[in-house]
Amino acid sequence: MPRLKTLLKIAPAALALHLLLATPHLHAHAQPEGSLPAHGSTVSGSPNRIAVWFDHPMRLTLFEVSGPRGLVPLNPAPGREALTRFETSPATALGPGKYTVRWRGLASDGHVMADEIYFTVR
């Protein structure tokens, strides 16, 4: 009987600890880990590649680059598969100016994520 009382006393604390430790994994969303060119960077000449990568798979629903002359044609465009890295190339060389990379995606937990990355071409 004393063992049962002890168990009943520690059970709520053990459950609370378990929930506290498990919750971040249950609610973790895919987060961007980096980009190429790096956010806020200035590059000399047109970049050959434009990329973004994530800590968990993400299905991109939008990936676009815009600059001084509007939207930049990309090759390839994102597909339907979930991935941890998406890499593309401008179809033509980027001229000098400021560029914005906009992306939106669906994480495996169903959470919609979106962000913008900025870089400048000299």
C-alpha atoms as a PDB file:
ATOM      1  CA  MET A   1       0.000   0.000   0.000  1.00  0.00           C
ATOM      2  CA  PRO A   2       2.793   2.534   0.714  1.00  0.00           C
ATOM      3  CA  ARG A   3       4.210   1.828  -2.756  1.00  0.00           C
ATOM      4  CA  LEU A   4       0.848   2.648  -4.338  1.00  0.00           C
ATOM      5  CA  LYS A   5       0.639   5.956  -2.456  1.00  0.00           C
ATOM      6  CA  THR A   6       4.155   6.859  -3.569  1.00  0.00           C
ATOM      7  CA  LEU A   7       3.332   5.947  -7.146  1.00  0.00           C
ATOM      8  CA  LEU A   8       0.159   8.053  -7.061  1.00  0.00           C
ATOM      9  CA  LYS A   9       2.172  11.001  -5.727  1.00  0.00           C
ATOM     10  CA  ILE A  10       4.804  10.927  -8.467  1.00  0.00           C
ATOM     11  CA  ALA A  11       2.563   9.951 -11.392  1.00  0.00           C
ATOM     12  CA  PRO A  12       1.282  13.508 -12.113  1.00  0.00           C
ATOM     13  CA  ALA A  13       4.829  14.905 -12.088  1.00  0.00           C
ATOM     14  CA  ALA A  14       6.066  12.112 -14.361  1.00  0.00           C
ATOM     15  CA  LEU A  15       3.189  12.717 -16.778  1.00  0.00           C
ATOM     16  CA  ALA A  16       3.812  16.467 -16.793  1.00  0.00           C
ATOM     17  CA  LEU A  17       7.512  15.914 -17.492  1.00  0.00           C
ATOM     18  CA  HIS A  18       6.698  13.505 -20.305  1.00  0.00           C
ATOM     19  CA  LEU A  19       4.289  15.981 -21.940  1.00  0.00           C
ATOM     20  CA  LEU A  20       6.754  18.826 -21.542  1.00  0.00           C
ATOM     21  CA  LEU A  21       9.520  16.882 -23.278  1.00  0.00           C
ATOM     22  CA  ALA A  22       7.290  15.443 -26.001  1.00  0.00           C
ATOM     23  CA  THR A  23       5.447  18.659 -26.927  1.00  0.00           C
ATOM     24  CA  PRO A  24       8.243  20.339 -28.931  1.00  0.00           C
ATOM     25  CA  HIS A  25       8.459  17.289 -31.181  1.00  0.00           C
ATOM     26  CA  LEU A  26       4.715  17.195 -31.692  1.00  0.00           C
ATOM     27  CA  HIS A  27       4.507  20.865 -32.631  1.00  0.00           C
ATOM     28  CA  ALA A  28       7.792  21.256 -34.501  1.00  0.00           C
ATOM     29  CA  HIS A  29       7.385  22.921 -37.878  1.00  0.00           C
ATOM     30  CA  ALA A  30       9.889  22.842 -40.687  1.00  0.00           C
ATOM     31  CA  GLN A  31      12.161  25.840 -40.359  1.00  0.00           C
ATOM     32  CA  PRO A  32      14.434  27.361 -42.995  1.00  0.00           C
ATOM     33  CA  GLU A  33      18.088  26.643 -42.219  1.00  0.00           C
ATOM     34  CA  GLY A  34      19.790  28.658 -44.939  1.00  0.00           C
ATOM     35  CA  SER A  35      19.776  30.019 -48.439  1.00  0.00           C
ATOM     36  CA  LEU A  36      22.013  30.606 -51.395  1.00  0.00           C
ATOM     37  CA  PRO A  37      22.731  33.464 -51.839  1.00  0.00           C
ATOM     38  CA  ALA A  38      22.626  34.066 -48.103  1.00  0.00           C
ATOM     39  CA  HIS A  39      19.885  36.349 -46.790  1.00  0.00           C
ATOM     40  CA  GLY A  40      21.044  39.975 -46.871  1.00  0.00           C
ATOM     41  CA  SER A  41      24.178  39.210 -48.888  1.00  0.00           C
ATOM     42  CA  THR A  42      25.683  41.058 -51.837  1.00  0.00           C
ATOM     43  CA  VAL A  43      27.093  38.906 -54.638  1.00  0.00           C
ATOM     44  CA  SER A  44      29.413  39.899 -57.473  1.00  0.00           C
ATOM     45  CA  GLY A  45      27.720  38.937 -60.708  1.00  0.00           C
ATOM     46  CA  SER A  46      24.682  36.784 -61.316  1.00  0.00           C
ATOM     47  CA  PRO A  47      24.389  33.726 -59.051  1.00  0.00           C
ATOM     48  CA  ASN A  48      24.291  30.403 -60.917  1.00  0.00           C
ATOM     49  CA  ARG A  49      22.077  28.839 -58.256  1.00  0.00           C
ATOM     50  CA  ILE A  50      19.362  30.013 -55.906  1.00  0.00           C
ATOM     51  CA  ALA A  51      18.506  27.634 -53.074  1.00  0.00           C
ATOM     52  CA  VAL A  52      16.753  27.335 -49.740  1.00  0.00           C
ATOM     53  CA  TRP A  53      16.968  24.442 -47.289  1.00  0.00           C
ATOM     54  CA  PHE A  54      14.931  23.323 -44.306  1.00  0.00           C
ATOM     55  CA  ASP A  55      15.381  21.225 -41.166  1.00  0.00           C
ATOM     56  CA  HIS A  56      12.391  19.006 -42.096  1.00  0.00           C
ATOM     57  CA  PRO A  57      10.794  18.118 -45.453  1.00  0.00           C
ATOM     58  CA  MET A  58       8.688  20.878 -46.993  1.00  0.00           C
ATOM     59  CA  ARG A  59       6.458  20.775 -50.079  1.00  0.00           C
ATOM     60  CA  LEU A  60       6.942  24.140 -51.750  1.00  0.00           C
ATOM     61  CA  THR A  61       3.778  25.668 -53.178  1.00  0.00           C
ATOM     62  CA  LEU A  62       5.464  28.928 -54.217  1.00  0.00           C
ATOM     63  CA  PHE A  63       9.058  29.805 -55.049  1.00  0.00           C
ATOM     64  CA  GLU A  64       9.660  32.986 -56.988  1.00  0.00           C
ATOM     65  CA  VAL A  65      12.444  35.470 -57.491  1.00  0.00           C
ATOM     66  CA  SER A  66      11.779  39.083 -58.387  1.00  0.00           C
ATOM     67  CA  GLY A  67      14.155  41.931 -59.098  1.00  0.00           C
ATOM     68  CA  PRO A  68      14.473  45.259 -60.849  1.00  0.00           C
ATOM     69  CA  ARG A  69      12.842  43.857 -64.017  1.00  0.00           C
ATOM     70  CA  GLY A  70      10.070  41.902 -62.298  1.00  0.00           C
ATOM     71  CA  LEU A  71       9.732  38.117 -61.938  1.00  0.00           C
ATOM     72  CA  VAL A  72      12.782  36.053 -62.869  1.00  0.00           C
ATOM     73  CA  PRO A  73      12.162  32.873 -64.920  1.00  0.00           C
ATOM     74  CA  LEU A  74      13.553  29.854 -63.036  1.00  0.00           C
ATOM     75  CA  ASN A  75      14.606  26.399 -64.124  1.00  0.00           C
ATOM     76  CA  PRO A  76      13.364  24.172 -62.560  1.00  0.00           C
ATOM     77  CA  ALA A  77      10.234  25.284 -60.747  1.00  0.00           C
ATOM     78  CA  PRO A  78       9.326  23.439 -57.526  1.00  0.00           C
ATOM     79  CA  GLY A  79       7.558  20.114 -57.919  1.00  0.00           C
ATOM     80  CA  ARG A  80       5.052  18.366 -55.677  1.00  0.00           C
ATOM     81  CA  GLU A  81       7.483  16.307 -53.605  1.00  0.00           C
ATOM     82  CA  ALA A  82       8.456  17.218 -50.052  1.00  0.00           C
ATOM     83  CA  LEU A  83      12.138  18.047 -49.788  1.00  0.00           C
ATOM     84  CA  THR A  84      14.689  19.468 -47.404  1.00  0.00           C
ATOM     85  CA  ARG A  85      16.509  21.475 -50.104  1.00  0.00           C
ATOM     86  CA  PHE A  86      15.219  23.197 -53.224  1.00  0.00           C
ATOM     87  CA  GLU A  87      17.698  24.506 -55.744  1.00  0.00           C
ATOM     88  CA  THR A  88      17.012  26.315 -59.004  1.00  0.00           C
ATOM     89  CA  SER A  89      18.801  28.524 -61.508  1.00  0.00           C
ATOM     90  CA  PRO A  90      17.812  31.791 -63.150  1.00  0.00           C
ATOM     91  CA  ALA A  91      16.941  31.145 -66.804  1.00  0.00           C
ATOM     92  CA  THR A  92      18.936  34.276 -67.711  1.00  0.00           C
ATOM     93  CA  ALA A  93      21.697  36.147 -65.917  1.00  0.00           C
ATOM     94  CA  LEU A  94      20.548  38.522 -63.182  1.00  0.00           C
ATOM     95  CA  GLY A  95      21.530  42.134 -63.682  1.00  0.00           C
ATOM     96  CA  PRO A  96      22.669  44.440 -60.896  1.00  0.00           C
ATOM     97  CA  GLY A  97      20.047  45.280 -58.293  1.00  0.00           C
ATOM     98  CA  LYS A  98      18.100  44.029 -55.299  1.00  0.00           C
ATOM     99  CA  TYR A  99      16.296  40.690 -55.476  1.00  0.00           C
ATOM    100  CA  THR A 100      13.626  39.059 -53.358  1.00  0.00           C
ATOM    101  CA  VAL A 101      13.107  35.308 -53.077  1.00  0.00           C
ATOM    102  CA  ARG A 102       9.584  34.473 -51.868  1.00  0.00           C
ATOM    103  CA  TRP A 103       8.682  30.952 -50.858  1.00  0.00           C
ATOM    104  CA  ARG A 104       5.693  29.265 -49.273  1.00  0.00           C
ATOM    105  CA  GLY A 105       5.414  25.628 -48.371  1.00  0.00           C
ATOM    106  CA  LEU A 106       3.503  22.982 -46.529  1.00  0.00           C
ATOM    107  CA  ALA A 107       5.351  21.156 -43.737  1.00  0.00           C
ATOM    108  CA  SER A 108       4.677  17.485 -43.085  1.00  0.00           C
ATOM    109  CA  ASP A 109       2.623  18.459 -40.011  1.00  0.00           C
ATOM    110  CA  GLY A 110       0.260  20.480 -42.245  1.00  0.00           C
ATOM    111  CA  HIS A 111       1.567  23.876 -41.126  1.00  0.00           C
ATOM    112  CA  VAL A 112       1.922  26.498 -43.866  1.00  0.00           C
ATOM    113  CA  MET A 113       5.258  28.311 -43.732  1.00  0.00           C
ATOM    114  CA  ALA A 114       6.385  31.319 -45.781  1.00  0.00           C
ATOM    115  CA  ASP A 115       9.337  33.675 -45.851  1.00  0.00           C
ATOM    116  CA  GLU A 116      11.310  36.107 -47.993  1.00  0.00           C
ATOM    117  CA  ILE A 117      15.035  36.239 -48.609  1.00  0.00           C
ATOM    118  CA  TYR A 118      16.801  39.314 -49.950  1.00  0.00           C
ATOM    119  CA  PHE A 119      20.100  39.632 -51.786  1.00  0.00           C
ATOM    120  CA  THR A 120      21.810  42.163 -54.014  1.00  0.00           C
ATOM    121  CA  VAL A 121      23.706  41.584 -57.252  1.00  0.00           C
ATOM    122  CA  ARG A 122      26.573  43.973 -57.997  1.00  0.00           C
END
